[in-house]
Structures are given as C-alpha cells and as structure tokens.
C-alpha cells in the first residue's frame, strides 16, 4: 500500500522484480490527504504537523487511528466512531476512495472529545493531571480526591489536553485549589440595592448546607433548591457563586460546592458573611 503518486513509477519497480525473478506483489494505491482547497497534497507549508505534535497536544491514540482511517476510506455506513478491532473487521480495499480527502482538524477535535468523554475516571485522572500547570499541582489544597471531583468540570469544555492547560492558566480552576479573593461589592445581586441584603440568604444557605449530602451536585442542589425558589434563584445563587469561586463566571454553585467539599464550602460562605459585616 502506497500513495498514488507512485503509480507512474510502478513499471520501474516491476522491472526490479523481473530482474530478481520475484513474483509481483499486489499494489494498492492510496489517495493523498489534501489541503482545505483540495488543489494539492497537504504539506508543512499548509499547516501539516508531525504526529508527535498531535500527541503532545493531547490527542489520544484511539482518536488518531479512527480519524486517519476515515480519510480516503468509507465503511459504507453512518458509523464514525470505531474501535481498532472494529476498523480491522470493517476495512475492505474496495471501499478506499479514488479521490483525495481533506484533513479536517475540526472533525479531529470533535472526535477526540468523544473519546475523552468515554474514558473511565481511572484513565482520565492522569490525562488531566498531566495537563495541569505545576503551580496548581503544588497547591496545598491539591489532592487526587479533589481532582477526581473536578474531572467533569474540566472535561466539559476540553477537546484536548492543551485546552485544559490554557483554561488552568487563565484561572478557570483556581476556585478548587485556593481560597478566592474578591471585593464585597461583587456579592451584590443585580436586583438588590445593598450588599447587606444578601447576608441573610447566605446565612440560611450555610445552615441548609450543614445538613446536606455532599456526595453529588444533585444532592447539594436538592438541599438548596426549595429555598432558592422561595427567595429567588439569582438572589441566592449569585452570592453563593461569588462566595465559592470569587468570580462572576464559574461553574454553578452546586458544582463548586461539590468540588471543594463541605468543609471548604461552609468556610467560604461564612467568610462571605463576615465580609459583608
């Protein structure tokens, strides 16, 4: 099996077999991988990367095997995700396309996301851990138990390990590893006129969470939801988000509480109440 650019030189190869008295092998010509405009073969000048570059960016081996197999080959079905054994069973030379196919990196990212979503926590943990900056892993609050609780939040928006690294460097996971710092005014919900109005709600949330089951985001939500509907979802959840993350953009308060755990959650809400005065 070789690229179709070698078709023209095939007679030269055959003459070598003749000279050596060898039988001809069966030659299979493969279509080239084309650049986006489909005018020529993809090359380094067009952004082609070494396979090791993709590995360093966090693309999984299963992704690359699946993706590359589908360039220039069609199984004849709508199936896009294949295990290696499924590829071996489904592959037929007659289904190789004659025309070249483009290397669609958006599709590659999508496919890697699908494989990441399938990974067990045992395999996902080292993948995420390796992508985190050393500063976070050196935090006094770091533990693999905490990282396990953070995994769904990290993977929700990540397509490759590089996405995790960039998000961490932008501070998206700081809430899990360090106590947030923020001005008291940030606790003010848009419908309130004074930040002091949020204190009774936070105090009530504190009491409810002392009795909550912290084994899942759903059980934490269940402990707060009736009260949130009573006083207003934004009125309760906004200051909770700020108290737990220190940021106006973060995962929802239930996820934040689940990740950092009961002790740290209660500590941060109490600190927010003290900040209000």
C-alpha atoms as a PDB file:
ATOM      1  CA  UNK A   1       0.000   0.000   0.000  1.00  0.00           C
ATOM      2  CA  UNK A   2       1.447   3.330  -1.049  1.00  0.00           C
ATOM      3  CA  UNK A   3       0.484   6.803  -2.167  1.00  0.00           C
ATOM      4  CA  UNK A   4      -0.941   7.186  -5.671  1.00  0.00           C
ATOM      5  CA  UNK A   5       1.970   9.440  -6.633  1.00  0.00           C
ATOM      6  CA  UNK A   6       3.979   6.249  -7.103  1.00  0.00           C
ATOM      7  CA  UNK A   7       1.714   4.910  -9.859  1.00  0.00           C
ATOM      8  CA  UNK A   8       3.872   6.471 -12.572  1.00  0.00           C
ATOM      9  CA  UNK A   9       6.999   4.758 -11.240  1.00  0.00           C
ATOM     10  CA  UNK A  10       5.400   1.320 -10.905  1.00  0.00           C
ATOM     11  CA  UNK A  11       6.992  -0.045 -14.166  1.00  0.00           C
ATOM     12  CA  UNK A  12      10.436   0.675 -12.686  1.00  0.00           C
ATOM     13  CA  UNK A  13       9.579  -1.328  -9.589  1.00  0.00           C
ATOM     14  CA  UNK A  14       8.217  -4.167 -11.701  1.00  0.00           C
ATOM     15  CA  UNK A  15      11.470  -4.324 -13.674  1.00  0.00           C
ATOM     16  CA  UNK A  16      13.355  -4.867 -10.419  1.00  0.00           C
ATOM     17  CA  UNK A  17      11.038  -7.780  -9.532  1.00  0.00           C
ATOM     18  CA  UNK A  18      11.622  -9.185 -13.049  1.00  0.00           C
ATOM     19  CA  UNK A  19      15.380  -8.909 -12.664  1.00  0.00           C
ATOM     20  CA  UNK A  20      15.279 -10.711  -9.337  1.00  0.00           C
ATOM     21  CA  UNK A  21      12.818 -13.323 -10.530  1.00  0.00           C
ATOM     22  CA  UNK A  22      10.257 -12.444  -7.903  1.00  0.00           C
ATOM     23  CA  UNK A  23       6.502 -12.595  -8.344  1.00  0.00           C
ATOM     24  CA  UNK A  24       4.745  -9.251  -8.456  1.00  0.00           C
ATOM     25  CA  UNK A  25       3.026  -8.198  -5.214  1.00  0.00           C
ATOM     26  CA  UNK A  26      -0.453  -6.704  -5.264  1.00  0.00           C
ATOM     27  CA  UNK A  27      -0.045  -2.935  -5.291  1.00  0.00           C
ATOM     28  CA  UNK A  28      -2.673  -0.766  -3.617  1.00  0.00           C
ATOM     29  CA  UNK A  29      -2.650   2.968  -4.343  1.00  0.00           C
ATOM     30  CA  UNK A  30      -3.963   5.271  -1.639  1.00  0.00           C
ATOM     31  CA  UNK A  31      -5.415   8.732  -2.320  1.00  0.00           C
ATOM     32  CA  UNK A  32      -3.474  11.697  -0.890  1.00  0.00           C
ATOM     33  CA  UNK A  33      -4.520  13.827   2.066  1.00  0.00           C
ATOM     34  CA  UNK A  34      -5.383  17.215   0.572  1.00  0.00           C
ATOM     35  CA  UNK A  35      -5.235  20.724   1.951  1.00  0.00           C
ATOM     36  CA  UNK A  36      -8.510  22.604   2.508  1.00  0.00           C
ATOM     37  CA  UNK A  37      -8.869  23.959  -1.030  1.00  0.00           C
ATOM     38  CA  UNK A  38      -8.346  20.416  -2.398  1.00  0.00           C
ATOM     39  CA  UNK A  39      -5.888  21.694  -5.035  1.00  0.00           C
ATOM     40  CA  UNK A  40      -2.817  19.845  -3.801  1.00  0.00           C
ATOM     41  CA  UNK A  41      -1.469  17.435  -1.229  1.00  0.00           C
ATOM     42  CA  UNK A  42      -1.295  18.696   2.341  1.00  0.00           C
ATOM     43  CA  UNK A  43       2.235  19.728   3.286  1.00  0.00           C
ATOM     44  CA  UNK A  44       4.106  21.507   6.056  1.00  0.00           C
ATOM     45  CA  UNK A  45       3.545  24.861   4.391  1.00  0.00           C
ATOM     46  CA  UNK A  46      -0.190  24.245   4.692  1.00  0.00           C
ATOM     47  CA  UNK A  47      -0.032  23.551   8.423  1.00  0.00           C
ATOM     48  CA  UNK A  48       0.617  19.808   8.406  1.00  0.00           C
ATOM     49  CA  UNK A  49       2.080  18.691  11.729  1.00  0.00           C
ATOM     50  CA  UNK A  50       4.177  15.802  12.894  1.00  0.00           C
ATOM     51  CA  UNK A  51       2.194  13.008  14.546  1.00  0.00           C
ATOM     52  CA  UNK A  52       4.146  13.679  17.763  1.00  0.00           C
ATOM     53  CA  UNK A  53       2.784  17.233  17.790  1.00  0.00           C
ATOM     54  CA  UNK A  54      -0.718  15.827  17.980  1.00  0.00           C
ATOM     55  CA  UNK A  55       0.312  13.523  20.809  1.00  0.00           C
ATOM     56  CA  UNK A  56       1.835  16.461  22.718  1.00  0.00           C
ATOM     57  CA  UNK A  57      -1.379  18.442  22.291  1.00  0.00           C
ATOM     58  CA  UNK A  58      -3.308  15.625  23.932  1.00  0.00           C
ATOM     59  CA  UNK A  59      -4.887  13.746  21.050  1.00  0.00           C
ATOM     60  CA  UNK A  60      -5.481  10.136  22.062  1.00  0.00           C
ATOM     61  CA  UNK A  61      -4.007   7.236  20.027  1.00  0.00           C
ATOM     62  CA  UNK A  62      -7.513   5.842  19.516  1.00  0.00           C
ATOM     63  CA  UNK A  63      -8.631   9.158  18.062  1.00  0.00           C
ATOM     64  CA  UNK A  64      -5.789   9.352  15.571  1.00  0.00           C
ATOM     65  CA  UNK A  65      -6.271   5.754  14.393  1.00  0.00           C
ATOM     66  CA  UNK A  66     -10.018   6.280  13.948  1.00  0.00           C
ATOM     67  CA  UNK A  67      -9.655   9.665  12.249  1.00  0.00           C
ATOM     68  CA  UNK A  68      -6.872   8.684   9.831  1.00  0.00           C
ATOM     69  CA  UNK A  69      -8.681   5.506   8.822  1.00  0.00           C
ATOM     70  CA  UNK A  70     -11.660   7.562   7.651  1.00  0.00           C
ATOM     71  CA  UNK A  71      -9.565   9.794   5.391  1.00  0.00           C
ATOM     72  CA  UNK A  72      -9.959   8.251   1.966  1.00  0.00           C
ATOM     73  CA  UNK A  73     -11.892   5.219   3.212  1.00  0.00           C
ATOM     74  CA  UNK A  74     -15.604   4.880   3.813  1.00  0.00           C
ATOM     75  CA  UNK A  75     -17.174   1.940   5.661  1.00  0.00           C
ATOM     76  CA  UNK A  76     -20.391   2.358   3.687  1.00  0.00           C
ATOM     77  CA  UNK A  77     -22.393   3.223   6.820  1.00  0.00           C
ATOM     78  CA  UNK A  78     -23.002   6.285   9.002  1.00  0.00           C
ATOM     79  CA  UNK A  79     -20.747   4.949  11.752  1.00  0.00           C
ATOM     80  CA  UNK A  80     -17.898   7.339  12.612  1.00  0.00           C
ATOM     81  CA  UNK A  81     -16.540   6.006  15.890  1.00  0.00           C
ATOM     82  CA  UNK A  82     -14.627   2.727  15.621  1.00  0.00           C
ATOM     83  CA  UNK A  83     -12.503   0.723  17.979  1.00  0.00           C
ATOM     84  CA  UNK A  84      -9.338  -0.710  16.445  1.00  0.00           C
ATOM     85  CA  UNK A  85     -10.888  -4.172  16.267  1.00  0.00           C
ATOM     86  CA  UNK A  86     -13.975  -2.734  14.538  1.00  0.00           C
ATOM     87  CA  UNK A  87     -11.783  -0.967  11.996  1.00  0.00           C
ATOM     88  CA  UNK A  88      -9.926  -4.189  11.252  1.00  0.00           C
ATOM     89  CA  UNK A  89     -13.197  -6.070  10.764  1.00  0.00           C
ATOM     90  CA  UNK A  90     -14.830  -3.376   8.617  1.00  0.00           C
ATOM     91  CA  UNK A  91     -11.867  -2.471   6.419  1.00  0.00           C
ATOM     92  CA  UNK A  92     -12.019  -3.512   2.771  1.00  0.00           C
ATOM     93  CA  UNK A  93      -9.721  -2.375  -0.041  1.00  0.00           C
ATOM     94  CA  UNK A  94     -12.696  -1.879  -2.343  1.00  0.00           C
ATOM     95  CA  UNK A  95     -14.008   0.887  -0.071  1.00  0.00           C
ATOM     96  CA  UNK A  96     -10.922   3.065  -0.463  1.00  0.00           C
ATOM     97  CA  UNK A  97     -11.913   6.196  -2.349  1.00  0.00           C
ATOM     98  CA  UNK A  98     -10.219   7.180  -5.568  1.00  0.00           C
ATOM     99  CA  UNK A  99     -10.242  10.920  -4.837  1.00  0.00           C
ATOM    100  CA  UNK A 100      -8.175  12.544  -2.122  1.00  0.00           C
ATOM    101  CA  UNK A 101      -9.771  13.743   1.113  1.00  0.00           C
ATOM    102  CA  UNK A 102      -9.087  16.835   3.216  1.00  0.00           C
ATOM    103  CA  UNK A 103      -7.640  16.786   6.720  1.00  0.00           C
ATOM    104  CA  UNK A 104     -10.419  18.361   8.792  1.00  0.00           C
ATOM    105  CA  UNK A 105      -8.918  19.397  12.124  1.00  0.00           C
ATOM    106  CA  UNK A 106     -12.308  20.479  13.485  1.00  0.00           C
ATOM    107  CA  UNK A 107     -13.544  16.929  12.958  1.00  0.00           C
ATOM    108  CA  UNK A 108     -10.394  15.620  14.628  1.00  0.00           C
ATOM    109  CA  UNK A 109     -11.057  17.796  17.692  1.00  0.00           C
ATOM    110  CA  UNK A 110     -14.677  16.634  17.799  1.00  0.00           C
ATOM    111  CA  UNK A 111     -13.593  13.021  17.630  1.00  0.00           C
ATOM    112  CA  UNK A 112     -11.041  13.413  20.416  1.00  0.00           C
ATOM    113  CA  UNK A 113     -13.771  14.955  22.553  1.00  0.00           C
ATOM    114  CA  UNK A 114     -15.926  11.861  22.010  1.00  0.00           C
ATOM    115  CA  UNK A 115     -13.071   9.597  23.100  1.00  0.00           C
ATOM    116  CA  UNK A 116     -12.333  11.755  26.160  1.00  0.00           C
ATOM    117  CA  UNK A 117     -15.975  11.507  27.187  1.00  0.00           C
ATOM    118  CA  UNK A 118     -15.685   7.707  27.073  1.00  0.00           C
ATOM    119  CA  UNK A 119     -12.580   7.476  29.258  1.00  0.00           C
ATOM    120  CA  UNK A 120     -13.004   5.970  32.710  1.00  0.00           C
ATOM    121  CA  UNK A 121     -12.075   8.206  35.683  1.00  0.00           C
ATOM    122  CA  UNK A 122      -9.016   5.990  36.230  1.00  0.00           C
ATOM    123  CA  UNK A 123      -7.690   6.863  32.763  1.00  0.00           C
ATOM    124  CA  UNK A 124      -8.981  10.426  32.726  1.00  0.00           C
ATOM    125  CA  UNK A 125      -7.300  11.369  36.014  1.00  0.00           C
ATOM    126  CA  UNK A 126      -3.670  11.068  34.792  1.00  0.00           C
ATOM    127  CA  UNK A 127      -4.623  12.728  31.478  1.00  0.00           C
ATOM    128  CA  UNK A 128      -5.975  15.801  33.277  1.00  0.00           C
ATOM    129  CA  UNK A 129      -3.273  15.749  35.931  1.00  0.00           C
ATOM    130  CA  UNK A 130      -0.510  15.863  33.305  1.00  0.00           C
ATOM    131  CA  UNK A 131      -2.223  18.824  31.623  1.00  0.00           C
ATOM    132  CA  UNK A 132      -2.422  20.944  34.789  1.00  0.00           C
ATOM    133  CA  UNK A 133       0.305  23.526  35.427  1.00  0.00           C
ATOM    134  CA  UNK A 134       2.801  22.653  38.151  1.00  0.00           C
ATOM    135  CA  UNK A 135       1.613  25.631  40.224  1.00  0.00           C
ATOM    136  CA  UNK A 136      -1.826  24.088  40.709  1.00  0.00           C
ATOM    137  CA  UNK A 137      -0.476  20.637  41.492  1.00  0.00           C
ATOM    138  CA  UNK A 138       1.828  22.258  44.065  1.00  0.00           C
ATOM    139  CA  UNK A 139      -1.078  23.961  45.822  1.00  0.00           C
ATOM    140  CA  UNK A 140      -1.579  22.962  49.486  1.00  0.00           C
ATOM    141  CA  UNK A 141      -5.222  22.204  48.649  1.00  0.00           C
ATOM    142  CA  UNK A 142      -4.348  19.809  45.828  1.00  0.00           C
ATOM    143  CA  UNK A 143      -5.293  16.176  46.189  1.00  0.00           C
ATOM    144  CA  UNK A 144      -6.256  13.452  43.764  1.00  0.00           C
ATOM    145  CA  UNK A 145      -9.619  13.168  45.526  1.00  0.00           C
ATOM    146  CA  UNK A 146     -10.303  16.832  44.753  1.00  0.00           C
ATOM    147  CA  UNK A 147      -9.075  16.388  41.181  1.00  0.00           C
ATOM    148  CA  UNK A 148     -11.437  13.438  40.748  1.00  0.00           C
ATOM    149  CA  UNK A 149     -14.366  15.649  41.738  1.00  0.00           C
ATOM    150  CA  UNK A 150     -13.149  18.344  39.343  1.00  0.00           C
ATOM    151  CA  UNK A 151     -12.860  15.989  36.339  1.00  0.00           C
ATOM    152  CA  UNK A 152     -16.387  16.505  34.911  1.00  0.00           C
ATOM    153  CA  UNK A 153     -15.940  20.293  35.075  1.00  0.00           C
ATOM    154  CA  UNK A 154     -12.564  20.130  33.331  1.00  0.00           C
ATOM    155  CA  UNK A 155     -13.662  17.751  30.584  1.00  0.00           C
ATOM    156  CA  UNK A 156     -16.957  19.518  29.889  1.00  0.00           C
ATOM    157  CA  UNK A 157     -15.267  22.121  27.646  1.00  0.00           C
ATOM    158  CA  UNK A 158     -11.968  20.456  26.768  1.00  0.00           C
ATOM    159  CA  UNK A 159     -11.277  18.766  23.450  1.00  0.00           C
ATOM    160  CA  UNK A 160      -7.568  18.100  24.055  1.00  0.00           C
ATOM    161  CA  UNK A 161      -5.084  18.394  26.926  1.00  0.00           C
ATOM    162  CA  UNK A 162      -3.910  21.756  25.602  1.00  0.00           C
ATOM    163  CA  UNK A 163      -7.394  23.170  26.294  1.00  0.00           C
ATOM    164  CA  UNK A 164      -7.090  22.090  29.929  1.00  0.00           C
ATOM    165  CA  UNK A 165      -3.688  23.729  30.272  1.00  0.00           C
ATOM    166  CA  UNK A 166      -4.886  27.017  28.752  1.00  0.00           C
ATOM    167  CA  UNK A 167      -8.026  27.075  30.914  1.00  0.00           C
ATOM    168  CA  UNK A 168      -5.945  26.424  34.036  1.00  0.00           C
ATOM    169  CA  UNK A 169      -3.516  29.189  33.113  1.00  0.00           C
ATOM    170  CA  UNK A 170      -6.488  31.528  32.660  1.00  0.00           C
ATOM    171  CA  UNK A 171      -7.563  30.770  36.244  1.00  0.00           C
ATOM    172  CA  UNK A 172     -10.709  28.763  35.467  1.00  0.00           C
ATOM    173  CA  UNK A 173      -9.881  26.115  38.080  1.00  0.00           C
ATOM    174  CA  UNK A 174      -8.382  28.394  40.736  1.00  0.00           C
ATOM    175  CA  UNK A 175     -11.509  28.037  42.885  1.00  0.00           C
ATOM    176  CA  UNK A 176     -10.640  24.396  43.519  1.00  0.00           C
ATOM    177  CA  UNK A 177      -7.083  24.982  44.661  1.00  0.00           C
ATOM    178  CA  UNK A 178      -7.093  28.292  46.537  1.00  0.00           C
ATOM    179  CA  UNK A 179      -9.379  30.470  48.649  1.00  0.00           C
ATOM    180  CA  UNK A 180     -10.888  33.177  46.419  1.00  0.00           C
ATOM    181  CA  UNK A 181     -10.276  36.876  46.932  1.00  0.00           C
ATOM    182  CA  UNK A 182     -12.886  39.374  45.769  1.00  0.00           C
ATOM    183  CA  UNK A 183     -14.412  42.739  46.738  1.00  0.00           C
ATOM    184  CA  UNK A 184     -17.547  42.536  48.891  1.00  0.00           C
ATOM    185  CA  UNK A 185     -19.468  44.510  46.241  1.00  0.00           C
ATOM    186  CA  UNK A 186     -19.241  41.533  43.903  1.00  0.00           C
ATOM    187  CA  UNK A 187     -21.664  39.684  46.192  1.00  0.00           C
ATOM    188  CA  UNK A 188     -24.399  42.182  45.283  1.00  0.00           C
ATOM    189  CA  UNK A 189     -27.161  40.692  43.123  1.00  0.00           C
ATOM    190  CA  UNK A 190     -28.465  42.980  40.378  1.00  0.00           C
ATOM    191  CA  UNK A 191     -31.941  43.235  41.948  1.00  0.00           C
ATOM    192  CA  UNK A 192     -30.569  44.278  45.344  1.00  0.00           C
ATOM    193  CA  UNK A 193     -29.709  47.829  46.352  1.00  0.00           C
ATOM    194  CA  UNK A 194     -27.317  46.964  49.154  1.00  0.00           C
ATOM    195  CA  UNK A 195     -24.904  44.078  49.547  1.00  0.00           C
ATOM    196  CA  UNK A 196     -26.177  43.610  53.113  1.00  0.00           C
ATOM    197  CA  UNK A 197     -29.404  42.195  51.624  1.00  0.00           C
ATOM    198  CA  UNK A 198     -27.515  39.084  50.560  1.00  0.00           C
ATOM    199  CA  UNK A 199     -26.281  38.200  54.042  1.00  0.00           C
ATOM    200  CA  UNK A 200     -29.478  36.576  55.400  1.00  0.00           C
ATOM    201  CA  UNK A 201     -29.672  34.386  52.294  1.00  0.00           C
ATOM    202  CA  UNK A 202     -26.090  33.267  52.632  1.00  0.00           C
ATOM    203  CA  UNK A 203     -26.630  32.546  56.326  1.00  0.00           C
ATOM    204  CA  UNK A 204     -29.663  30.420  55.520  1.00  0.00           C
ATOM    205  CA  UNK A 205     -27.727  28.595  52.770  1.00  0.00           C
ATOM    206  CA  UNK A 206     -24.998  27.954  55.317  1.00  0.00           C
ATOM    207  CA  UNK A 207     -27.465  26.293  57.678  1.00  0.00           C
ATOM    208  CA  UNK A 208     -29.018  24.201  54.908  1.00  0.00           C
ATOM    209  CA  UNK A 209     -25.637  23.033  53.642  1.00  0.00           C
ATOM    210  CA  UNK A 210     -24.544  21.905  57.088  1.00  0.00           C
ATOM    211  CA  UNK A 211     -27.168  19.167  56.749  1.00  0.00           C
ATOM    212  CA  UNK A 212     -26.632  18.492  53.046  1.00  0.00           C
ATOM    213  CA  UNK A 213     -25.325  15.353  51.366  1.00  0.00           C
ATOM    214  CA  UNK A 214     -22.134  16.382  49.554  1.00  0.00           C
ATOM    215  CA  UNK A 215     -21.710  13.164  47.585  1.00  0.00           C
ATOM    216  CA  UNK A 216     -23.091  14.692  44.388  1.00  0.00           C
ATOM    217  CA  UNK A 217     -24.008  18.020  42.813  1.00  0.00           C
ATOM    218  CA  UNK A 218     -27.616  16.843  42.644  1.00  0.00           C
ATOM    219  CA  UNK A 219     -27.858  16.231  46.398  1.00  0.00           C
ATOM    220  CA  UNK A 220     -26.325  19.657  47.121  1.00  0.00           C
ATOM    221  CA  UNK A 221     -28.798  21.261  44.727  1.00  0.00           C
ATOM    222  CA  UNK A 222     -31.665  19.422  46.431  1.00  0.00           C
ATOM    223  CA  UNK A 223     -30.656  20.927  49.783  1.00  0.00           C
ATOM    224  CA  UNK A 224     -30.848  24.491  48.423  1.00  0.00           C
ATOM    225  CA  UNK A 225     -33.389  24.465  45.624  1.00  0.00           C
ATOM    226  CA  UNK A 226     -36.621  24.935  47.583  1.00  0.00           C
ATOM    227  CA  UNK A 227     -35.130  27.935  49.371  1.00  0.00           C
ATOM    228  CA  UNK A 228     -33.762  29.312  46.074  1.00  0.00           C
ATOM    229  CA  UNK A 229     -37.233  29.186  44.543  1.00  0.00           C
ATOM    230  CA  UNK A 230     -38.629  30.883  47.637  1.00  0.00           C
ATOM    231  CA  UNK A 231     -36.261  33.888  47.705  1.00  0.00           C
ATOM    232  CA  UNK A 232     -35.286  33.980  44.034  1.00  0.00           C
ATOM    233  CA  UNK A 233     -32.727  31.859  42.232  1.00  0.00           C
ATOM    234  CA  UNK A 234     -30.461  34.746  41.304  1.00  0.00           C
ATOM    235  CA  UNK A 235     -30.803  36.275  44.760  1.00  0.00           C
ATOM    236  CA  UNK A 236     -29.367  33.130  46.341  1.00  0.00           C
ATOM    237  CA  UNK A 237     -27.196  31.551  43.673  1.00  0.00           C
ATOM    238  CA  UNK A 238     -25.321  34.687  42.615  1.00  0.00           C
ATOM    239  CA  UNK A 239     -23.769  35.462  46.019  1.00  0.00           C
ATOM    240  CA  UNK A 240     -23.152  31.750  46.544  1.00  0.00           C
ATOM    241  CA  UNK A 241     -21.225  31.605  43.260  1.00  0.00           C
ATOM    242  CA  UNK A 242     -19.115  34.597  44.298  1.00  0.00           C
ATOM    243  CA  UNK A 243     -18.528  33.263  47.808  1.00  0.00           C
ATOM    244  CA  UNK A 244     -17.314  29.914  46.477  1.00  0.00           C
ATOM    245  CA  UNK A 245     -15.365  30.992  43.397  1.00  0.00           C
ATOM    246  CA  UNK A 246     -14.718  34.728  43.727  1.00  0.00           C
ATOM    247  CA  UNK A 247     -15.748  35.145  40.081  1.00  0.00           C
ATOM    248  CA  UNK A 248     -18.841  36.189  38.171  1.00  0.00           C
ATOM    249  CA  UNK A 249     -18.175  33.439  35.624  1.00  0.00           C
ATOM    250  CA  UNK A 250     -17.652  29.965  37.013  1.00  0.00           C
ATOM    251  CA  UNK A 251     -19.389  26.600  37.287  1.00  0.00           C
ATOM    252  CA  UNK A 252     -22.743  26.699  39.101  1.00  0.00           C
ATOM    253  CA  UNK A 253     -22.659  26.877  42.921  1.00  0.00           C
ATOM    254  CA  UNK A 254     -23.706  23.236  43.330  1.00  0.00           C
ATOM    255  CA  UNK A 255     -20.744  22.076  41.258  1.00  0.00           C
ATOM    256  CA  UNK A 256     -18.409  24.448  43.097  1.00  0.00           C
ATOM    257  CA  UNK A 257     -19.557  23.111  46.465  1.00  0.00           C
ATOM    258  CA  UNK A 258     -19.224  19.501  45.355  1.00  0.00           C
ATOM    259  CA  UNK A 259     -15.676  20.029  44.059  1.00  0.00           C
ATOM    260  CA  UNK A 260     -14.291  21.837  47.104  1.00  0.00           C
ATOM    261  CA  UNK A 261     -16.203  19.742  49.645  1.00  0.00           C
ATOM    262  CA  UNK A 262     -18.368  20.515  52.648  1.00  0.00           C
ATOM    263  CA  UNK A 263     -15.717  21.896  54.995  1.00  0.00           C
ATOM    264  CA  UNK A 264     -14.308  24.360  52.471  1.00  0.00           C
ATOM    265  CA  UNK A 265     -17.790  25.318  51.237  1.00  0.00           C
ATOM    266  CA  UNK A 266     -19.009  26.236  54.719  1.00  0.00           C
ATOM    267  CA  UNK A 267     -15.778  28.085  55.414  1.00  0.00           C
ATOM    268  CA  UNK A 268     -16.088  30.229  52.276  1.00  0.00           C
ATOM    269  CA  UNK A 269     -19.750  31.090  52.821  1.00  0.00           C
ATOM    270  CA  UNK A 270     -19.002  32.058  56.415  1.00  0.00           C
ATOM    271  CA  UNK A 271     -16.136  34.231  55.182  1.00  0.00           C
ATOM    272  CA  UNK A 272     -18.507  35.947  52.715  1.00  0.00           C
ATOM    273  CA  UNK A 273     -20.939  36.695  55.530  1.00  0.00           C
ATOM    274  CA  UNK A 274     -18.075  38.168  57.546  1.00  0.00           C
ATOM    275  CA  UNK A 275     -17.000  40.248  54.553  1.00  0.00           C
ATOM    276  CA  UNK A 276     -20.477  41.768  54.351  1.00  0.00           C
ATOM    277  CA  UNK A 277     -20.320  42.617  58.054  1.00  0.00           C
END
